[in-house]
Amino acid sequence: MRKCILSFSFIISLLVTTHAQVRVAIVAGGHQSSVLEENDLPNWSELKSNYTGRIGFHTGFIADIAFSPKSKLFFQPGVVYYNKGRKFSQRFDPPLGIIINQKSTQFLNYIDVPLNLVLKFGKKTKFIIGGGPYGSFFYSGKETAQTITTGGITESTENNDLSVGNQPGQFRTTDYGINGLAGLEFRGFFITANYSRGLNDFYESTVYNGTFRHEVIGGTLGVFLGKTEKIEKKIKDIDKDGINDDKDHCPEEPGTAATNGCPDKDADGIADKDDKCPDIAGLIKYNGCPVPDTDKDGINDEEDKCPNASGFARYGGCPVPDTDGDGVNDEEDKCPTVKGTKQRNGCPIEEIKKEIVEKVNFAAKRIQFQSAKAVLLPQSLKVLDEVANILKDNPELSLSIEGHTSGDGIFEANMKLSDERAKNVKGYLISKGIDAARLTAKGFGPTQPINKGKTTAEKAQNRRVELKLSN
């Protein structure tokens, strides 16, 4: 945690040394801290009055950063060591047993990092008012407890190594909140009244539910170190580019009159600070860049009829057209005005010969299985051999095998049976040398009957295998 604080201090120091309108002040002061606690204890309204604040001090430094040479608004980041915490004392009259008084302290020390915005009004003596958020880092702490009896102090404890973490009974390593200030600044000094309030719980009790937040009210005296850096007097032409600084938009860099005194490396009349392509001459409407070529096809967007799709000059920057929209461009399409397939170089698929379809449909009607089983009967094998030969003679054809059943029996069993029958047909055709990629098999059970299925004959017709050819 202390490394984090040192790192933040280094950042503030670096900011101070690199900003022309910065002062640093050492600050110190006194304050009273208290803990704003709310809980679910039934007697809290009585116990609450036994807690009192802790009188402490704070010290550190702040930076005073002007937003502009004539600005009344300042940014004041800082690093300040703070005493926080509270005290407790409860007297019992009459004594509680032999106990007449109980006392305890909870003294906590933090490094606060305020980030304030401050307004200053006036000339020699200025009224200042401001505020902002703060972050706080646990630094150290101590808890004590005493029990006083009729015979004197009987018990006294002290804990200088408080547990830190995010568990009940531990103090949080970080805290945050808001703070405000108001006061006067004069001759390198300032005095302010300060208030801060935590916005999150810095502790969680192990005994009861409650919220614990810091509150601090106090005063601060600050002394600025060194002298305020003066604003440099304007020089008529710092960069010696022939353009007076009051008209020069880039007074510290040589430029041209066309760009109001700013550099223009590519001489396109657009200042480098506004030019997205400072090394290549371009146009104002493209922020100093040349005419773009969005699709990178070598044809700029102003001449490209298809600026978002890579194309060719012979087509005005568009891709090779596909007149029939079949996915094969006209230069490769042997049938450019008729939709086709890539396999046929853009030409349509020829219709399957009628006699082949009839042979396969006839074969399908003769496929038979053992009753209520998916086992092909011997006479079906000769039929499927014919189908296999047809597929071998026509390698461009694919075959869909569909199994169907009647509505008798259990639906799930029929679905399974029809699927197994279709797959057995597929398996046989594969065994005969047909590529599995040309075959699909699926069972539909009783879901696609070809009749009402009421008579024995109708039911027999519904128990079938259909073979469907496709290109």
Protein backbone atom coordinates (compact mmCIF):
# COMPACT_ATOMS: atom_id res chain seq x y z
CA MET A 1 0.00 0.00 0.00
CA ARG A 2 2.83 2.39 0.84
CA LYS A 3 4.34 1.68 -2.58
CA CYS A 4 1.05 2.79 -4.18
CA ILE A 5 1.15 6.03 -2.18
CA LEU A 6 4.76 6.70 -3.19
CA SER A 7 3.86 6.02 -6.84
CA PHE A 8 0.99 8.50 -6.68
CA SER A 9 3.27 11.08 -5.05
CA PHE A 10 5.76 10.61 -7.87
CA ILE A 11 3.02 11.19 -10.47
CA ILE A 12 1.95 14.40 -8.73
CA SER A 13 5.58 15.55 -8.59
CA LEU A 14 6.05 14.82 -12.30
CA LEU A 15 2.87 16.75 -13.14
CA VAL A 16 4.12 19.66 -11.08
CA THR A 17 7.48 19.81 -12.86
CA THR A 18 5.98 19.63 -16.36
CA HIS A 19 3.09 22.12 -16.01
CA ALA A 20 3.75 25.80 -16.43
CA GLN A 21 1.06 27.02 -14.02
CA VAL A 22 1.61 24.84 -10.95
CA ARG A 23 2.39 25.60 -7.33
CA VAL A 24 3.03 23.12 -4.54
CA ALA A 25 2.00 23.72 -0.95
CA ILE A 26 2.81 22.05 2.34
CA VAL A 27 -0.36 21.68 4.40
CA ALA A 28 -1.04 20.90 8.04
CA GLY A 29 -3.91 21.31 10.45
CA GLY A 30 -6.10 19.95 13.18
CA HIS A 31 -9.45 18.26 13.05
CA GLN A 32 -11.96 16.12 14.82
CA SER A 33 -12.80 12.78 13.31
CA SER A 34 -15.79 10.60 14.08
CA VAL A 35 -17.37 7.40 12.85
CA LEU A 36 -20.87 7.49 11.40
CA GLU A 37 -22.28 4.16 12.53
CA GLU A 38 -25.72 2.66 12.00
CA ASN A 39 -26.56 -0.86 13.15
CA ASP A 40 -29.30 -3.25 14.22
CA LEU A 41 -28.48 -3.31 17.96
CA PRO A 42 -31.70 -2.90 19.99
CA ASN A 43 -30.10 -0.39 22.43
CA TRP A 44 -28.05 1.54 19.89
CA SER A 45 -29.89 4.81 20.50
CA GLU A 46 -28.63 4.68 24.12
CA LEU A 47 -25.12 3.48 23.33
CA LYS A 48 -24.58 5.98 20.49
CA SER A 49 -24.07 8.91 22.86
CA ASN A 50 -21.13 7.11 24.51
CA TYR A 51 -19.01 7.52 21.37
CA THR A 52 -17.05 10.74 20.89
CA GLY A 53 -14.71 11.96 18.18
CA ARG A 54 -10.94 11.82 18.06
CA ILE A 55 -8.92 15.02 18.00
CA GLY A 56 -6.11 14.57 15.48
CA PHE A 57 -3.91 16.29 12.95
CA HIS A 58 -3.21 16.04 9.25
CA THR A 59 -0.23 16.99 7.12
CA GLY A 60 0.98 16.54 3.56
CA PHE A 61 1.15 18.46 0.35
CA ILE A 62 -1.12 19.56 -2.50
CA ALA A 63 -0.57 20.78 -6.02
CA ASP A 64 -2.35 23.90 -7.28
CA ILE A 65 -2.84 23.64 -11.06
CA ALA A 66 -4.46 26.39 -13.13
CA PHE A 67 -6.56 25.31 -16.09
CA SER A 68 -5.41 28.36 -18.05
CA PRO A 69 -3.39 31.52 -17.38
CA LYS A 70 -6.51 33.52 -16.51
CA SER A 71 -8.65 30.72 -15.13
CA LYS A 72 -10.35 31.03 -11.76
CA LEU A 73 -10.75 27.25 -11.65
CA PHE A 74 -7.90 25.15 -10.29
CA PHE A 75 -7.25 21.44 -9.89
CA GLN A 76 -5.80 20.52 -6.48
CA PRO A 77 -4.66 16.90 -6.15
CA GLY A 78 -2.77 16.01 -2.99
CA VAL A 79 -1.36 13.42 -0.61
CA VAL A 80 -2.24 14.04 3.06
CA TYR A 81 -1.68 11.98 6.23
CA TYR A 82 -4.82 11.90 8.44
CA ASN A 83 -5.67 10.74 11.97
CA LYS A 84 -9.15 9.24 12.07
CA GLY A 85 -11.23 7.13 14.41
CA ARG A 86 -13.21 7.59 17.64
CA LYS A 87 -13.37 7.04 21.42
CA PHE A 88 -15.88 5.26 23.65
CA SER A 89 -16.67 5.72 27.34
CA GLN A 90 -19.60 4.32 29.35
CA ARG A 91 -20.08 4.90 33.06
CA PHE A 92 -22.36 2.69 35.16
CA ASP A 93 -24.09 4.37 38.10
CA PRO A 94 -24.87 2.29 40.07
CA PRO A 95 -22.01 -0.05 39.06
CA LEU A 96 -22.72 -2.96 36.77
CA GLY A 97 -21.61 -5.64 39.14
CA ILE A 98 -18.16 -4.32 40.07
CA ILE A 99 -17.74 -2.40 36.77
CA ILE A 100 -18.07 1.37 37.05
CA ASN A 101 -16.61 2.45 33.72
CA GLN A 102 -15.57 1.02 30.33
CA LYS A 103 -13.35 2.89 27.90
CA SER A 104 -11.97 2.12 24.45
CA THR A 105 -10.30 3.88 21.55
CA GLN A 106 -10.15 3.12 17.84
CA PHE A 107 -7.36 5.28 16.41
CA LEU A 108 -6.78 4.82 12.67
CA ASN A 109 -4.34 6.56 10.34
CA TYR A 110 -4.81 7.00 6.61
CA ILE A 111 -3.15 8.54 3.59
CA ASP A 112 -5.84 10.54 1.82
CA VAL A 113 -5.59 11.47 -1.87
CA PRO A 114 -8.02 14.36 -2.51
CA LEU A 115 -8.82 15.36 -6.10
CA ASN A 116 -10.47 18.75 -5.68
CA LEU A 117 -11.68 21.42 -8.05
CA VAL A 118 -11.31 24.89 -6.47
CA LEU A 119 -12.70 28.29 -7.47
CA LYS A 120 -10.79 31.43 -6.46
CA PHE A 121 -12.30 34.93 -6.34
CA GLY A 122 -10.48 38.18 -5.74
CA LYS A 123 -7.02 39.63 -6.42
CA LYS A 124 -4.54 39.96 -3.56
CA THR A 125 -6.73 38.20 -1.01
CA LYS A 126 -8.80 35.48 -2.61
CA PHE A 127 -11.83 33.64 -1.33
CA ILE A 128 -11.54 29.97 -2.20
CA ILE A 129 -14.20 27.26 -2.27
CA GLY A 130 -14.10 23.78 -3.71
CA GLY A 131 -14.44 20.07 -3.27
CA GLY A 132 -14.30 16.71 -4.94
CA PRO A 133 -13.73 13.01 -4.37
CA TYR A 134 -10.95 11.44 -2.38
CA GLY A 135 -9.34 8.06 -2.15
CA SER A 136 -7.93 6.85 1.17
CA PHE A 137 -5.36 4.17 2.00
CA PHE A 138 -5.07 2.50 5.42
CA TYR A 139 -1.67 3.30 6.92
CA SER A 140 -1.68 2.15 10.54
CA GLY A 141 -3.90 1.92 13.60
CA LYS A 142 -4.30 1.05 17.25
CA GLU A 143 -7.18 -0.13 19.45
CA THR A 144 -7.25 0.03 23.24
CA ALA A 145 -9.75 -1.06 25.87
CA GLN A 146 -10.03 -0.50 29.65
CA THR A 147 -12.43 -1.83 32.27
CA ILE A 148 -12.50 0.16 35.53
CA THR A 149 -13.97 -1.44 38.65
CA THR A 150 -14.67 -0.27 42.15
CA GLY A 151 -11.13 -1.40 42.97
CA GLY A 152 -9.40 0.37 40.06
CA ILE A 153 -8.34 -0.68 36.57
CA THR A 154 -8.65 -4.45 36.38
CA GLU A 155 -8.08 -4.96 32.67
CA SER A 156 -6.26 -3.00 29.96
CA THR A 157 -5.59 -4.22 26.38
CA GLU A 158 -3.84 -2.67 23.42
CA ASN A 159 -3.62 -3.86 19.80
CA ASN A 160 -1.08 -2.14 17.55
CA ASP A 161 -1.31 -4.66 14.72
CA LEU A 162 -4.83 -4.33 13.34
CA SER A 163 -6.01 -6.96 10.87
CA VAL A 164 -6.43 -5.59 7.35
CA GLY A 165 -8.48 -7.17 4.55
CA ASN A 166 -11.99 -7.71 3.25
CA GLN A 167 -13.26 -10.16 5.88
CA PRO A 168 -15.45 -9.45 8.94
CA GLY A 169 -13.32 -8.06 11.76
CA GLN A 170 -10.80 -6.54 9.33
CA PHE A 171 -10.17 -2.95 8.29
CA ARG A 172 -10.40 -2.23 4.55
CA THR A 173 -7.16 -1.28 2.85
CA THR A 174 -8.91 1.39 0.78
CA ASP A 175 -11.66 3.90 1.44
CA TYR A 176 -13.24 6.68 -0.58
CA GLY A 177 -15.58 9.60 -0.15
CA ILE A 178 -16.16 13.29 -0.82
CA ASN A 179 -14.71 16.41 0.73
CA GLY A 180 -15.21 20.16 0.60
CA LEU A 181 -13.27 23.25 1.61
CA ALA A 182 -13.70 27.00 1.94
CA GLY A 183 -11.28 29.70 3.04
CA LEU A 184 -8.89 32.49 2.11
CA GLU A 185 -5.62 32.70 0.16
CA PHE A 186 -3.12 35.57 0.55
CA ARG A 187 0.61 36.20 0.03
CA GLY A 188 1.56 32.59 -0.57
CA PHE A 189 -0.52 31.29 2.36
CA PHE A 190 -4.01 29.91 2.62
CA ILE A 191 -6.31 28.82 5.43
CA THR A 192 -9.39 26.70 4.93
CA ALA A 193 -12.14 24.93 6.79
CA ASN A 194 -12.42 21.31 5.66
CA TYR A 195 -15.06 18.61 5.73
CA SER A 196 -14.91 15.05 4.45
CA ARG A 197 -17.23 12.08 4.59
CA GLY A 198 -16.66 8.47 3.62
CA LEU A 199 -19.00 6.78 1.16
CA ASN A 200 -18.15 3.17 1.91
CA ASP A 201 -17.65 1.00 4.99
CA PHE A 202 -14.06 0.95 6.25
CA TYR A 203 -14.82 -1.96 8.62
CA GLU A 204 -17.23 -4.89 9.09
CA SER A 205 -18.20 -6.12 12.53
CA THR A 206 -18.07 -9.81 13.41
CA VAL A 207 -20.81 -9.43 16.05
CA TYR A 208 -23.60 -7.42 14.45
CA ASN A 209 -24.69 -5.85 11.20
CA GLY A 210 -23.78 -2.21 10.77
CA THR A 211 -22.22 0.50 8.62
CA PHE A 212 -19.00 2.30 9.53
CA ARG A 213 -17.99 5.49 7.71
CA HIS A 214 -15.51 8.23 8.50
CA GLU A 215 -16.39 11.89 9.00
CA VAL A 216 -13.79 14.65 9.51
CA ILE A 217 -14.24 18.35 10.31
CA GLY A 218 -11.22 20.61 10.73
CA GLY A 219 -9.01 23.43 9.54
CA THR A 220 -5.91 23.56 7.34
CA LEU A 221 -3.04 26.01 6.97
CA GLY A 222 -1.03 25.84 3.75
CA VAL A 223 2.18 27.44 2.57
CA PHE A 224 3.14 27.53 -1.11
CA LEU A 225 6.74 26.61 -1.90
CA GLY A 226 8.82 28.93 -4.08
CA LYS A 227 7.31 31.51 -6.33
CA THR A 228 4.47 31.21 -8.78
CA GLU A 229 5.84 30.73 -12.26
CA LYS A 230 5.04 33.69 -14.44
CA ILE A 231 3.35 33.37 -17.78
CA GLU A 232 5.84 33.89 -20.56
CA LYS A 233 5.33 37.05 -22.49
CA LYS A 234 4.17 36.43 -25.99
CA ILE A 235 6.80 36.70 -28.63
CA LYS A 236 5.64 37.99 -31.97
CA ASP A 237 6.85 34.95 -33.89
CA ILE A 238 8.37 32.20 -31.74
CA ASP A 239 8.77 29.65 -34.55
CA LYS A 240 10.09 32.22 -37.05
CA ASP A 241 7.70 31.15 -39.79
CA GLY A 242 6.66 34.68 -40.67
CA ILE A 243 3.23 34.38 -39.02
CA ASN A 244 2.64 36.34 -35.82
CA ASP A 245 1.76 34.27 -32.78
CA ASP A 246 -1.64 35.92 -32.35
CA LYS A 247 -2.61 34.48 -35.73
CA ASP A 248 -0.45 31.35 -35.61
CA HIS A 249 -2.43 28.21 -34.70
CA CYS A 250 0.87 26.37 -34.14
CA PRO A 251 3.12 29.10 -32.67
CA GLU A 252 5.93 26.71 -31.72
CA GLU A 253 6.14 24.87 -35.06
CA PRO A 254 7.02 26.48 -38.41
CA GLY A 255 4.14 26.32 -40.84
CA THR A 256 2.51 27.98 -43.82
CA ALA A 257 -0.01 30.75 -44.24
CA ALA A 258 -2.39 28.31 -45.98
CA THR A 259 -2.57 26.25 -42.79
CA ASN A 260 -2.61 29.21 -40.36
CA GLY A 261 0.98 28.70 -39.32
CA CYS A 262 0.85 24.93 -38.80
CA PRO A 263 3.14 22.37 -40.48
CA ASP A 264 1.97 20.70 -43.70
CA LYS A 265 4.49 18.03 -44.75
CA ASP A 266 2.56 16.81 -47.80
CA ALA A 267 1.72 20.38 -48.96
CA ASP A 268 -1.94 19.58 -49.55
CA GLY A 269 -3.17 22.68 -47.72
CA ILE A 270 -4.26 20.72 -44.64
CA ALA A 271 -2.29 21.17 -41.41
CA ASP A 272 -0.54 18.04 -40.13
CA LYS A 273 -2.47 18.22 -36.85
CA ASP A 274 -5.73 17.91 -38.80
CA ASP A 275 -4.36 15.64 -41.55
CA LYS A 276 -5.05 11.94 -41.08
CA CYS A 277 -2.53 11.22 -43.85
CA PRO A 278 0.17 13.85 -43.16
CA ASP A 279 2.74 12.20 -45.47
CA ILE A 280 0.44 11.78 -48.50
CA ALA A 281 -1.30 14.66 -50.32
CA GLY A 282 -5.05 14.35 -50.07
CA LEU A 283 -8.36 16.17 -50.06
CA ILE A 284 -10.16 18.14 -47.36
CA LYS A 285 -13.30 16.00 -47.65
CA TYR A 286 -11.20 12.93 -46.79
CA ASN A 287 -9.42 14.68 -43.90
CA GLY A 288 -6.21 15.08 -45.87
CA CYS A 289 -6.14 11.53 -47.26
CA PRO A 290 -6.37 10.54 -50.95
CA VAL A 291 -9.63 9.26 -52.37
CA PRO A 292 -10.08 5.94 -50.54
CA ASP A 293 -10.27 2.49 -52.08
CA THR A 294 -12.45 0.73 -49.52
CA ASP A 295 -12.43 -2.68 -51.22
CA LYS A 296 -8.69 -2.51 -52.12
CA ASP A 297 -9.27 -3.41 -55.77
CA GLY A 298 -7.14 -0.59 -57.19
CA ILE A 299 -10.13 1.53 -58.21
CA ASN A 300 -10.84 4.52 -55.94
CA ASP A 301 -14.29 4.89 -54.44
CA GLU A 302 -15.24 7.90 -56.56
CA GLU A 303 -14.82 5.83 -59.74
CA ASP A 304 -15.86 2.46 -58.25
CA LYS A 305 -19.47 1.46 -58.91
CA CYS A 306 -19.11 -1.21 -56.19
CA PRO A 307 -16.86 0.47 -53.55
CA ASN A 308 -17.51 -2.20 -50.91
CA ALA A 309 -16.86 -5.24 -53.12
CA SER A 310 -13.53 -5.97 -54.79
CA GLY A 311 -13.89 -5.96 -58.56
CA PHE A 312 -12.30 -5.21 -61.92
CA ALA A 313 -11.86 -2.08 -64.02
CA ARG A 314 -13.66 -3.75 -66.97
CA TYR A 315 -16.77 -3.95 -64.79
CA GLY A 316 -16.44 -0.44 -63.30
CA GLY A 317 -14.93 -1.76 -60.08
CA CYS A 318 -17.60 -4.41 -59.58
CA PRO A 319 -17.02 -8.17 -59.37
CA VAL A 320 -17.62 -10.35 -62.44
CA PRO A 321 -21.44 -10.43 -62.78
CA ASP A 322 -23.62 -13.48 -62.26
CA THR A 323 -26.55 -12.78 -64.55
CA ASP A 324 -28.63 -15.85 -63.67
CA GLY A 325 -27.76 -15.66 -59.93
CA ASP A 326 -26.68 -19.29 -59.68
CA GLY A 327 -23.37 -18.61 -57.90
CA VAL A 328 -21.25 -19.13 -61.04
CA ASN A 329 -19.97 -15.85 -62.53
CA ASP A 330 -20.61 -15.12 -66.20
CA GLU A 331 -16.96 -15.61 -67.20
CA GLU A 332 -17.06 -19.21 -65.92
CA ASP A 333 -20.76 -19.94 -66.59
CA LYS A 334 -21.39 -22.00 -69.72
CA CYS A 335 -25.11 -21.19 -69.38
CA PRO A 336 -24.94 -17.55 -68.11
CA THR A 337 -28.65 -16.79 -68.59
CA VAL A 338 -30.02 -20.03 -67.08
CA LYS A 339 -29.58 -21.06 -63.46
CA GLY A 340 -27.42 -24.11 -62.97
CA THR A 341 -24.94 -25.69 -60.58
CA LYS A 342 -21.21 -25.32 -60.01
CA GLN A 343 -20.77 -29.02 -60.77
CA ARG A 344 -22.16 -28.42 -64.28
CA ASN A 345 -20.27 -25.11 -64.80
CA GLY A 346 -23.43 -23.07 -64.34
CA CYS A 347 -25.73 -25.20 -66.48
CA PRO A 348 -28.91 -26.79 -65.08
CA ILE A 349 -29.10 -30.38 -63.96
CA GLU A 350 -30.59 -32.70 -66.50
CA GLU A 351 -33.80 -34.49 -65.62
CA ILE A 352 -33.44 -38.10 -64.46
CA LYS A 353 -34.56 -40.47 -67.20
CA LYS A 354 -38.09 -41.68 -66.72
CA GLU A 355 -37.20 -45.34 -67.23
CA ILE A 356 -34.58 -45.18 -64.42
CA VAL A 357 -37.10 -43.66 -62.00
CA GLU A 358 -39.67 -46.33 -62.89
CA LYS A 359 -37.14 -49.14 -62.35
CA VAL A 360 -36.20 -47.83 -58.92
CA ASN A 361 -39.83 -47.28 -57.88
CA PHE A 362 -40.69 -50.82 -59.03
CA ALA A 363 -37.74 -52.19 -57.06
CA ALA A 364 -38.85 -50.33 -53.93
CA LYS A 365 -42.25 -52.04 -54.01
CA ARG A 366 -40.55 -55.47 -53.92
CA ILE A 367 -38.37 -54.80 -50.84
CA GLN A 368 -39.60 -57.03 -48.00
CA PHE A 369 -38.56 -57.66 -44.38
CA GLN A 370 -39.23 -60.30 -41.74
CA SER A 371 -42.48 -59.52 -39.90
CA ALA A 372 -42.03 -56.78 -37.27
CA LYS A 373 -38.26 -56.87 -37.87
CA ALA A 374 -35.68 -54.95 -39.90
CA VAL A 375 -34.14 -58.10 -41.44
CA LEU A 376 -34.26 -58.11 -45.29
CA LEU A 377 -35.80 -61.22 -46.83
CA PRO A 378 -33.58 -63.09 -49.34
CA GLN A 379 -35.75 -62.13 -52.32
CA SER A 380 -35.20 -58.43 -51.43
CA LEU A 381 -31.45 -58.74 -51.94
CA LYS A 382 -31.84 -59.42 -55.67
CA VAL A 383 -34.07 -56.36 -55.93
CA LEU A 384 -31.45 -54.18 -54.19
CA ASP A 385 -28.74 -55.59 -56.45
CA GLU A 386 -30.67 -54.10 -59.37
CA VAL A 387 -30.80 -50.73 -57.59
CA ALA A 388 -27.06 -50.91 -56.91
CA ASN A 389 -26.37 -51.54 -60.60
CA ILE A 390 -28.52 -48.55 -61.60
CA LEU A 391 -26.54 -46.32 -59.21
CA LYS A 392 -23.23 -47.63 -60.54
CA ASP A 393 -24.30 -46.89 -64.11
CA ASN A 394 -25.40 -43.37 -63.11
CA PRO A 395 -22.73 -42.00 -60.73
CA GLU A 396 -24.26 -38.50 -60.74
CA LEU A 397 -27.38 -39.78 -58.96
CA SER A 398 -28.02 -39.85 -55.20
CA LEU A 399 -30.63 -41.95 -53.39
CA SER A 400 -32.88 -41.14 -50.43
CA ILE A 401 -34.17 -44.24 -48.57
CA GLU A 402 -37.36 -43.71 -46.52
CA GLY A 403 -38.88 -46.33 -44.20
CA HIS A 404 -42.62 -46.31 -43.37
CA THR A 405 -44.96 -48.43 -41.19
CA SER A 406 -48.69 -48.78 -40.59
CA GLY A 407 -50.33 -47.21 -37.57
CA ASP A 408 -50.66 -50.51 -35.67
CA GLY A 409 -48.70 -50.92 -32.47
CA ILE A 410 -46.68 -48.47 -30.36
CA PHE A 411 -45.66 -45.25 -32.12
CA GLU A 412 -42.09 -45.16 -30.76
CA ALA A 413 -41.53 -48.79 -31.79
CA ASN A 414 -42.79 -48.07 -35.32
CA MET A 415 -40.48 -45.05 -35.63
CA LYS A 416 -37.50 -47.17 -34.57
CA LEU A 417 -38.45 -50.08 -36.86
CA SER A 418 -38.87 -47.84 -39.93
CA ASP A 419 -35.52 -46.16 -39.27
CA GLU A 420 -33.70 -49.49 -38.86
CA ARG A 421 -35.24 -50.84 -42.09
CA ALA A 422 -34.14 -47.76 -44.06
CA LYS A 423 -30.62 -48.01 -42.63
CA ASN A 424 -30.39 -51.74 -43.42
CA VAL A 425 -31.24 -50.98 -47.05
CA LYS A 426 -28.54 -48.30 -47.08
CA GLY A 427 -26.05 -50.69 -45.48
CA TYR A 428 -26.69 -53.34 -48.14
CA LEU A 429 -26.17 -50.87 -50.99
CA ILE A 430 -22.92 -49.72 -49.40
CA SER A 431 -21.81 -53.35 -49.21
CA LYS A 432 -22.36 -53.50 -52.96
CA GLY A 433 -19.90 -50.68 -53.58
CA ILE A 434 -22.13 -47.60 -53.49
CA ASP A 435 -20.50 -44.54 -51.86
CA ALA A 436 -22.22 -43.78 -48.53
CA ALA A 437 -22.11 -40.05 -49.38
CA ARG A 438 -24.66 -40.72 -52.15
CA LEU A 439 -27.13 -42.36 -49.74
CA THR A 440 -29.42 -41.03 -46.99
CA ALA A 441 -31.70 -43.15 -44.82
CA LYS A 442 -34.47 -42.11 -42.44
CA GLY A 443 -37.52 -43.70 -40.85
CA PHE A 444 -40.89 -41.93 -40.71
CA GLY A 445 -42.93 -44.62 -38.92
CA PRO A 446 -46.68 -44.13 -39.40
CA THR A 447 -46.46 -40.37 -39.93
CA GLN A 448 -46.77 -40.41 -43.75
CA PRO A 449 -49.45 -42.99 -44.69
CA ILE A 450 -50.58 -43.24 -48.29
CA ASN A 451 -54.15 -44.18 -47.29
CA LYS A 452 -56.45 -44.24 -44.23
CA GLY A 453 -54.95 -47.54 -43.05
CA LYS A 454 -58.22 -49.09 -41.88
CA THR A 455 -58.28 -52.36 -43.82
CA THR A 456 -55.64 -55.08 -43.83
CA ALA A 457 -54.77 -54.25 -47.44
CA GLU A 458 -54.39 -50.55 -46.70
CA LYS A 459 -52.16 -51.26 -43.73
CA ALA A 460 -49.98 -53.50 -45.87
CA GLN A 461 -49.60 -50.70 -48.41
CA ASN A 462 -48.44 -48.32 -45.67
CA ARG A 463 -45.70 -50.77 -44.66
CA ARG A 464 -43.19 -49.81 -47.36
CA VAL A 465 -39.77 -48.49 -48.31
CA GLU A 466 -39.57 -45.59 -50.76
CA LEU A 467 -36.50 -44.96 -52.89
CA LYS A 468 -36.14 -41.37 -54.24
CA LEU A 469 -33.51 -40.42 -56.81
CA SER A 470 -31.93 -37.00 -57.11
CA ASN A 471 -29.07 -35.38 -59.03
